[in-house]
All heavy atoms as atom14 arrays in JSON, in Angstrom:
{
  "sequence": "NFGSGSSREHAAWAIAGYGFRVVVSSFFADIHKNN",
  "atom14_mask": [
    [1, 1, 1, 1, 1, 1, 1, 1, 0, 0, 0, 0, 0, 0],
    [1, 1, 1, 1, 1, 1, 1, 1, 1, 1, 1, 0, 0, 0],
    [1, 1, 1, 1, 0, 0, 0, 0, 0, 0, 0, 0, 0, 0],
    [1, 1, 1, 1, 1, 1, 0, 0, 0, 0, 0, 0, 0, 0],
    [1, 1, 1, 1, 0, 0, 0, 0, 0, 0, 0, 0, 0, 0],
    [1, 1, 1, 1, 1, 1, 0, 0, 0, 0, 0, 0, 0, 0],
    [1, 1, 1, 1, 1, 1, 0, 0, 0, 0, 0, 0, 0, 0],
    [1, 1, 1, 1, 1, 1, 1, 1, 1, 1, 1, 0, 0, 0],
    [1, 1, 1, 1, 1, 1, 1, 1, 1, 0, 0, 0, 0, 0],
    [1, 1, 1, 1, 1, 1, 1, 1, 1, 1, 0, 0, 0, 0],
    [1, 1, 1, 1, 1, 0, 0, 0, 0, 0, 0, 0, 0, 0],
    [1, 1, 1, 1, 1, 0, 0, 0, 0, 0, 0, 0, 0, 0],
    [1, 1, 1, 1, 1, 1, 1, 1, 1, 1, 1, 1, 1, 1],
    [1, 1, 1, 1, 1, 0, 0, 0, 0, 0, 0, 0, 0, 0],
    [1, 1, 1, 1, 1, 1, 1, 1, 0, 0, 0, 0, 0, 0],
    [1, 1, 1, 1, 1, 0, 0, 0, 0, 0, 0, 0, 0, 0],
    [1, 1, 1, 1, 0, 0, 0, 0, 0, 0, 0, 0, 0, 0],
    [1, 1, 1, 1, 1, 1, 1, 1, 1, 1, 1, 1, 0, 0],
    [1, 1, 1, 1, 0, 0, 0, 0, 0, 0, 0, 0, 0, 0],
    [1, 1, 1, 1, 1, 1, 1, 1, 1, 1, 1, 0, 0, 0],
    [1, 1, 1, 1, 1, 1, 1, 1, 1, 1, 1, 0, 0, 0],
    [1, 1, 1, 1, 1, 1, 1, 0, 0, 0, 0, 0, 0, 0],
    [1, 1, 1, 1, 1, 1, 1, 0, 0, 0, 0, 0, 0, 0],
    [1, 1, 1, 1, 1, 1, 1, 0, 0, 0, 0, 0, 0, 0],
    [1, 1, 1, 1, 1, 1, 0, 0, 0, 0, 0, 0, 0, 0],
    [1, 1, 1, 1, 1, 1, 0, 0, 0, 0, 0, 0, 0, 0],
    [1, 1, 1, 1, 1, 1, 1, 1, 1, 1, 1, 0, 0, 0],
    [1, 1, 1, 1, 1, 1, 1, 1, 1, 1, 1, 0, 0, 0],
    [1, 1, 1, 1, 1, 0, 0, 0, 0, 0, 0, 0, 0, 0],
    [1, 1, 1, 1, 1, 1, 1, 1, 0, 0, 0, 0, 0, 0],
    [1, 1, 1, 1, 1, 1, 1, 1, 0, 0, 0, 0, 0, 0],
    [1, 1, 1, 1, 1, 1, 1, 1, 1, 1, 0, 0, 0, 0],
    [1, 1, 1, 1, 1, 1, 1, 1, 1, 0, 0, 0, 0, 0],
    [1, 1, 1, 1, 1, 1, 1, 1, 0, 0, 0, 0, 0, 0],
    [1, 1, 1, 1, 1, 1, 1, 1, 0, 0, 0, 0, 0, 0]
  ],
  "atom14_positions": [
    [[29.04, 13.84, 7.31], [29.76, 12.98, 8.23], [28.86, 12.57, 9.43], [29.2, 12.83, 10.61], [31.08, 13.63, 8.74], [31.97, 12.62, 9.42], [31.9, 11.43, 9.18], [32.84, 13.13, 10.3], [0.0, 0.0, 0.0], [0.0, 0.0, 0.0], [0.0, 0.0, 0.0], [0.0, 0.0, 0.0], [0.0, 0.0, 0.0], [0.0, 0.0, 0.0]],
    [[27.77, 11.98, 9.14], [26.79, 11.53, 10.18], [27.2, 10.15, 10.7], [27.48, 9.26, 9.96], [25.39, 11.45, 9.55], [24.31, 11.2, 10.58], [23.84, 12.22, 11.39], [23.77, 9.94, 10.73], [22.88, 12.0, 12.36], [22.77, 9.71, 11.65], [22.33, 10.74, 12.49], [0.0, 0.0, 0.0], [0.0, 0.0, 0.0], [0.0, 0.0, 0.0]],
    [[27.18, 10.04, 12.01], [27.46, 8.74, 12.69], [28.89, 8.41, 12.88], [29.28, 7.23, 13.0], [0.0, 0.0, 0.0], [0.0, 0.0, 0.0], [0.0, 0.0, 0.0], [0.0, 0.0, 0.0], [0.0, 0.0, 0.0], [0.0, 0.0, 0.0], [0.0, 0.0, 0.0], [0.0, 0.0, 0.0], [0.0, 0.0, 0.0], [0.0, 0.0, 0.0]],
    [[29.75, 9.42, 12.97], [31.15, 9.18, 13.26], [31.32, 8.76, 14.74], [30.42, 8.75, 15.51], [32.0, 10.44, 12.94], [31.5, 11.56, 13.73], [0.0, 0.0, 0.0], [0.0, 0.0, 0.0], [0.0, 0.0, 0.0], [0.0, 0.0, 0.0], [0.0, 0.0, 0.0], [0.0, 0.0, 0.0], [0.0, 0.0, 0.0], [0.0, 0.0, 0.0]],
    [[32.55, 8.47, 15.1], [32.84, 8.1, 16.47], [32.75, 6.61, 16.73], [33.04, 5.83, 15.8], [0.0, 0.0, 0.0], [0.0, 0.0, 0.0], [0.0, 0.0, 0.0], [0.0, 0.0, 0.0], [0.0, 0.0, 0.0], [0.0, 0.0, 0.0], [0.0, 0.0, 0.0], [0.0, 0.0, 0.0], [0.0, 0.0, 0.0], [0.0, 0.0, 0.0]],
    [[32.36, 6.2, 17.9], [32.33, 4.76, 18.25], [31.33, 3.98, 17.46], [30.37, 4.59, 16.88], [32.05, 4.57, 19.75], [30.71, 4.85, 20.01], [0.0, 0.0, 0.0], [0.0, 0.0, 0.0], [0.0, 0.0, 0.0], [0.0, 0.0, 0.0], [0.0, 0.0, 0.0], [0.0, 0.0, 0.0], [0.0, 0.0, 0.0], [0.0, 0.0, 0.0]],
    [[31.56, 2.68, 17.34], [30.7, 1.88, 16.44], [29.42, 1.37, 17.03], [28.84, 0.47, 16.5], [31.56, 0.65, 16.03], [31.95, -0.09, 17.15], [0.0, 0.0, 0.0], [0.0, 0.0, 0.0], [0.0, 0.0, 0.0], [0.0, 0.0, 0.0], [0.0, 0.0, 0.0], [0.0, 0.0, 0.0], [0.0, 0.0, 0.0], [0.0, 0.0, 0.0]],
    [[28.95, 1.95, 18.12], [27.76, 1.44, 18.87], [26.54, 1.24, 17.93], [26.08, 2.17, 17.33], [27.47, 2.33, 20.07], [26.99, 3.7, 19.7], [26.93, 4.62, 20.94], [28.23, 4.87, 21.5], [28.51, 5.86, 22.34], [27.54, 6.61, 22.75], [29.69, 6.04, 22.79], [0.0, 0.0, 0.0], [0.0, 0.0, 0.0], [0.0, 0.0, 0.0]],
    [[26.0, 0.06, 17.98], [24.82, -0.24, 17.2], [23.6, 0.43, 17.81], [22.61, 0.68, 17.17], [24.56, -1.73, 17.07], [23.45, -2.09, 16.11], [23.27, -3.61, 15.88], [23.75, -4.37, 16.71], [22.6, -3.96, 14.87], [0.0, 0.0, 0.0], [0.0, 0.0, 0.0], [0.0, 0.0, 0.0], [0.0, 0.0, 0.0], [0.0, 0.0, 0.0]],
    [[23.71, 0.76, 19.1], [22.61, 1.43, 19.79], [22.16, 2.72, 19.1], [21.03, 3.13, 19.19], [23.01, 1.75, 21.23], [23.42, 0.54, 22.04], [24.58, -0.18, 21.75], [22.88, -0.06, 23.12], [24.7, -1.14, 22.61], [23.67, -1.12, 23.44], [0.0, 0.0, 0.0], [0.0, 0.0, 0.0], [0.0, 0.0, 0.0], [0.0, 0.0, 0.0]],
    [[23.12, 3.36, 18.4], [22.78, 4.63, 17.71], [21.79, 4.34, 16.58], [20.8, 5.08, 16.47], [24.06, 5.22, 17.1], [0.0, 0.0, 0.0], [0.0, 0.0, 0.0], [0.0, 0.0, 0.0], [0.0, 0.0, 0.0], [0.0, 0.0, 0.0], [0.0, 0.0, 0.0], [0.0, 0.0, 0.0], [0.0, 0.0, 0.0], [0.0, 0.0, 0.0]],
    [[21.97, 3.29, 15.89], [20.99, 2.89, 14.84], [19.67, 2.44, 15.49], [18.57, 2.72, 14.93], [21.55, 1.77, 13.94], [0.0, 0.0, 0.0], [0.0, 0.0, 0.0], [0.0, 0.0, 0.0], [0.0, 0.0, 0.0], [0.0, 0.0, 0.0], [0.0, 0.0, 0.0], [0.0, 0.0, 0.0], [0.0, 0.0, 0.0], [0.0, 0.0, 0.0]],
    [[19.74, 1.71, 16.66], [18.52, 1.33, 17.36], [17.68, 2.6, 17.71], [16.49, 2.54, 17.63], [18.84, 0.61, 18.63], [19.53, -0.74, 18.49], [19.78, -1.39, 17.33], [19.99, -1.58, 19.54], [20.41, -2.57, 17.6], [20.51, -2.74, 18.93], [20.01, -1.46, 20.93], [21.12, -3.74, 19.7], [20.56, -2.46, 21.65], [21.06, -3.63, 21.06]],
    [[18.39, 3.65, 18.16], [17.7, 4.86, 18.58], [17.03, 5.57, 17.4], [15.89, 6.03, 17.53], [18.71, 5.83, 19.28], [0.0, 0.0, 0.0], [0.0, 0.0, 0.0], [0.0, 0.0, 0.0], [0.0, 0.0, 0.0], [0.0, 0.0, 0.0], [0.0, 0.0, 0.0], [0.0, 0.0, 0.0], [0.0, 0.0, 0.0], [0.0, 0.0, 0.0]],
    [[17.73, 5.57, 16.28], [17.15, 6.23, 15.05], [15.89, 5.45, 14.61], [14.86, 6.05, 14.36], [18.22, 6.32, 13.95], [19.27, 7.33, 14.34], [17.55, 6.67, 12.61], [20.57, 7.23, 13.55], [0.0, 0.0, 0.0], [0.0, 0.0, 0.0], [0.0, 0.0, 0.0], [0.0, 0.0, 0.0], [0.0, 0.0, 0.0], [0.0, 0.0, 0.0]],
    [[16.02, 4.15, 14.59], [14.88, 3.33, 14.18], [13.75, 3.38, 15.19], [12.59, 3.49, 14.86], [15.34, 1.87, 13.95], [0.0, 0.0, 0.0], [0.0, 0.0, 0.0], [0.0, 0.0, 0.0], [0.0, 0.0, 0.0], [0.0, 0.0, 0.0], [0.0, 0.0, 0.0], [0.0, 0.0, 0.0], [0.0, 0.0, 0.0], [0.0, 0.0, 0.0]],
    [[14.14, 3.39, 16.49], [13.14, 3.42, 17.55], [12.36, 4.7, 17.6], [11.17, 4.71, 17.95], [0.0, 0.0, 0.0], [0.0, 0.0, 0.0], [0.0, 0.0, 0.0], [0.0, 0.0, 0.0], [0.0, 0.0, 0.0], [0.0, 0.0, 0.0], [0.0, 0.0, 0.0], [0.0, 0.0, 0.0], [0.0, 0.0, 0.0], [0.0, 0.0, 0.0]],
    [[12.98, 5.78, 17.15], [12.28, 7.09, 17.09], [11.24, 7.09, 15.95], [10.24, 7.79, 15.99], [13.27, 8.21, 16.93], [12.61, 9.56, 16.98], [12.29, 10.15, 18.22], [12.25, 10.27, 15.84], [11.68, 11.41, 18.28], [11.63, 11.51, 15.89], [11.35, 12.08, 17.13], [10.74, 13.32, 17.18], [0.0, 0.0, 0.0], [0.0, 0.0, 0.0]],
    [[11.46, 6.27, 14.92], [10.52, 6.19, 13.85], [11.07, 6.62, 12.49], [10.32, 6.69, 11.49], [0.0, 0.0, 0.0], [0.0, 0.0, 0.0], [0.0, 0.0, 0.0], [0.0, 0.0, 0.0], [0.0, 0.0, 0.0], [0.0, 0.0, 0.0], [0.0, 0.0, 0.0], [0.0, 0.0, 0.0], [0.0, 0.0, 0.0], [0.0, 0.0, 0.0]],
    [[12.39, 6.91, 12.44], [12.95, 7.32, 11.16], [13.23, 6.07, 10.32], [13.72, 5.05, 10.81], [14.31, 8.08, 11.36], [14.15, 9.45, 11.86], [14.74, 9.83, 13.11], [13.41, 10.44, 11.19], [14.63, 11.13, 13.61], [13.3, 11.72, 11.7], [13.85, 12.06, 12.86], [0.0, 0.0, 0.0], [0.0, 0.0, 0.0], [0.0, 0.0, 0.0]],
    [[12.85, 6.13, 9.05], [13.1, 5.03, 8.11], [14.25, 5.33, 7.16], [14.81, 4.42, 6.61], [11.83, 4.75, 7.22], [10.56, 4.46, 7.89], [10.47, 3.08, 8.56], [10.95, 1.93, 7.84], [10.31, 1.29, 6.88], [9.1, 1.65, 6.49], [10.86, 0.23, 6.29], [0.0, 0.0, 0.0], [0.0, 0.0, 0.0], [0.0, 0.0, 0.0]],
    [[14.56, 6.66, 7.04], [15.62, 7.09, 6.1], [16.42, 8.16, 6.77], [15.87, 9.0, 7.51], [15.0, 7.71, 4.83], [16.09, 8.21, 3.91], [14.1, 6.7, 4.11], [0.0, 0.0, 0.0], [0.0, 0.0, 0.0], [0.0, 0.0, 0.0], [0.0, 0.0, 0.0], [0.0, 0.0, 0.0], [0.0, 0.0, 0.0], [0.0, 0.0, 0.0]],
    [[17.74, 8.15, 6.61], [18.62, 9.24, 6.99], [19.35, 9.68, 5.73], [19.94, 8.85, 5.0], [19.65, 8.9, 8.09], [20.48, 10.05, 8.43], [18.93, 8.33, 9.35], [0.0, 0.0, 0.0], [0.0, 0.0, 0.0], [0.0, 0.0, 0.0], [0.0, 0.0, 0.0], [0.0, 0.0, 0.0], [0.0, 0.0, 0.0], [0.0, 0.0, 0.0]],
    [[19.3, 11.01, 5.44], [19.97, 11.53, 4.26], [21.12, 12.38, 4.73], [21.02, 13.18, 5.66], [18.95, 12.42, 3.45], [19.63, 12.96, 2.18], [17.7, 11.65, 3.07], [0.0, 0.0, 0.0], [0.0, 0.0, 0.0], [0.0, 0.0, 0.0], [0.0, 0.0, 0.0], [0.0, 0.0, 0.0], [0.0, 0.0, 0.0], [0.0, 0.0, 0.0]],
    [[22.29, 12.17, 4.11], [23.47, 12.98, 4.39], [24.4, 12.95, 3.15], [24.16, 12.14, 2.26], [24.21, 12.43, 5.61], [25.37, 13.22, 5.87], [0.0, 0.0, 0.0], [0.0, 0.0, 0.0], [0.0, 0.0, 0.0], [0.0, 0.0, 0.0], [0.0, 0.0, 0.0], [0.0, 0.0, 0.0], [0.0, 0.0, 0.0], [0.0, 0.0, 0.0]],
    [[25.38, 13.82, 3.09], [26.34, 13.77, 2.03], [27.5, 12.82, 2.32], [28.25, 12.45, 1.45], [26.9, 15.19, 1.74], [27.48, 15.69, 2.89], [0.0, 0.0, 0.0], [0.0, 0.0, 0.0], [0.0, 0.0, 0.0], [0.0, 0.0, 0.0], [0.0, 0.0, 0.0], [0.0, 0.0, 0.0], [0.0, 0.0, 0.0], [0.0, 0.0, 0.0]],
    [[27.59, 12.34, 3.56], [28.63, 11.37, 3.96], [28.25, 10.68, 5.29], [27.82, 11.36, 6.22], [29.99, 12.04, 4.13], [31.09, 11.06, 4.38], [31.7, 10.35, 3.37], [31.54, 10.87, 5.69], [32.69, 9.42, 3.66], [32.53, 9.97, 5.98], [33.12, 9.22, 4.94], [0.0, 0.0, 0.0], [0.0, 0.0, 0.0], [0.0, 0.0, 0.0]],
    [[28.4, 9.37, 5.34], [28.15, 8.61, 6.56], [29.45, 7.9, 6.97], [30.22, 7.44, 6.11], [27.13, 7.52, 6.33], [25.75, 7.99, 6.18], [25.25, 8.39, 4.91], [24.84, 8.03, 7.25], [23.92, 8.79, 4.77], [23.53, 8.46, 7.08], [23.08, 8.85, 5.85], [0.0, 0.0, 0.0], [0.0, 0.0, 0.0], [0.0, 0.0, 0.0]],
    [[29.64, 7.81, 8.29], [30.71, 6.87, 8.76], [30.32, 5.47, 8.39], [29.18, 5.07, 8.56], [30.85, 7.03, 10.26], [0.0, 0.0, 0.0], [0.0, 0.0, 0.0], [0.0, 0.0, 0.0], [0.0, 0.0, 0.0], [0.0, 0.0, 0.0], [0.0, 0.0, 0.0], [0.0, 0.0, 0.0], [0.0, 0.0, 0.0], [0.0, 0.0, 0.0]],
    [[31.28, 4.68, 7.89], [30.99, 3.37, 7.31], [30.28, 2.43, 8.25], [29.28, 1.78, 7.93], [32.25, 2.69, 6.82], [32.65, 3.16, 5.43], [31.78, 3.78, 4.76], [33.77, 2.91, 5.02], [0.0, 0.0, 0.0], [0.0, 0.0, 0.0], [0.0, 0.0, 0.0], [0.0, 0.0, 0.0], [0.0, 0.0, 0.0], [0.0, 0.0, 0.0]],
    [[30.77, 2.32, 9.5], [30.22, 1.37, 10.45], [28.81, 1.76, 10.83], [27.89, 0.92, 10.82], [31.09, 1.19, 11.75], [32.42, 0.56, 11.38], [30.36, 0.42, 12.79], [33.42, 0.48, 12.5], [0.0, 0.0, 0.0], [0.0, 0.0, 0.0], [0.0, 0.0, 0.0], [0.0, 0.0, 0.0], [0.0, 0.0, 0.0], [0.0, 0.0, 0.0]],
    [[28.59, 3.03, 11.01], [27.22, 3.49, 11.37], [26.28, 3.28, 10.18], [25.14, 2.88, 10.36], [27.22, 4.96, 11.75], [25.87, 5.46, 12.07], [25.2, 5.09, 13.23], [24.99, 6.23, 11.39], [23.97, 5.61, 13.26], [23.81, 6.31, 12.12], [0.0, 0.0, 0.0], [0.0, 0.0, 0.0], [0.0, 0.0, 0.0], [0.0, 0.0, 0.0]],
    [[26.76, 3.49, 8.98], [25.92, 3.28, 7.78], [25.44, 1.83, 7.72], [24.31, 1.53, 7.5], [26.78, 3.62, 6.51], [26.05, 3.51, 5.22], [26.95, 3.93, 4.09], [26.23, 3.85, 2.76], [27.14, 4.22, 1.6], [0.0, 0.0, 0.0], [0.0, 0.0, 0.0], [0.0, 0.0, 0.0], [0.0, 0.0, 0.0], [0.0, 0.0, 0.0]],
    [[26.41, 0.87, 7.98], [26.03, -0.55, 8.0], [25.08, -0.91, 9.11], [24.19, -1.69, 8.97], [27.26, -1.4, 8.01], [28.01, -1.46, 6.66], [27.34, -1.46, 5.63], [29.28, -1.39, 6.7], [0.0, 0.0, 0.0], [0.0, 0.0, 0.0], [0.0, 0.0, 0.0], [0.0, 0.0, 0.0], [0.0, 0.0, 0.0], [0.0, 0.0, 0.0]],
    [[25.31, -0.28, 10.29], [24.39, -0.5, 11.41], [23.0, -0.03, 11.09], [22.0, -0.7, 11.46], [24.89, 0.23, 12.68], [26.09, -0.5, 13.3], [26.3, -1.68, 13.07], [26.84, 0.19, 14.13], [0.0, 0.0, 0.0], [0.0, 0.0, 0.0], [0.0, 0.0, 0.0], [0.0, 0.0, 0.0], [0.0, 0.0, 0.0], [0.0, 0.0, 0.0]]
  ]
}
């Protein structure tokens, strides 16, 4: 359940900005997954 909560795109900006290209989990919140 990674990325639950509010739909802020800034969360995906932060992950990409840190240098991650892939996030692996057994479940993602839908909006965050799309972001």
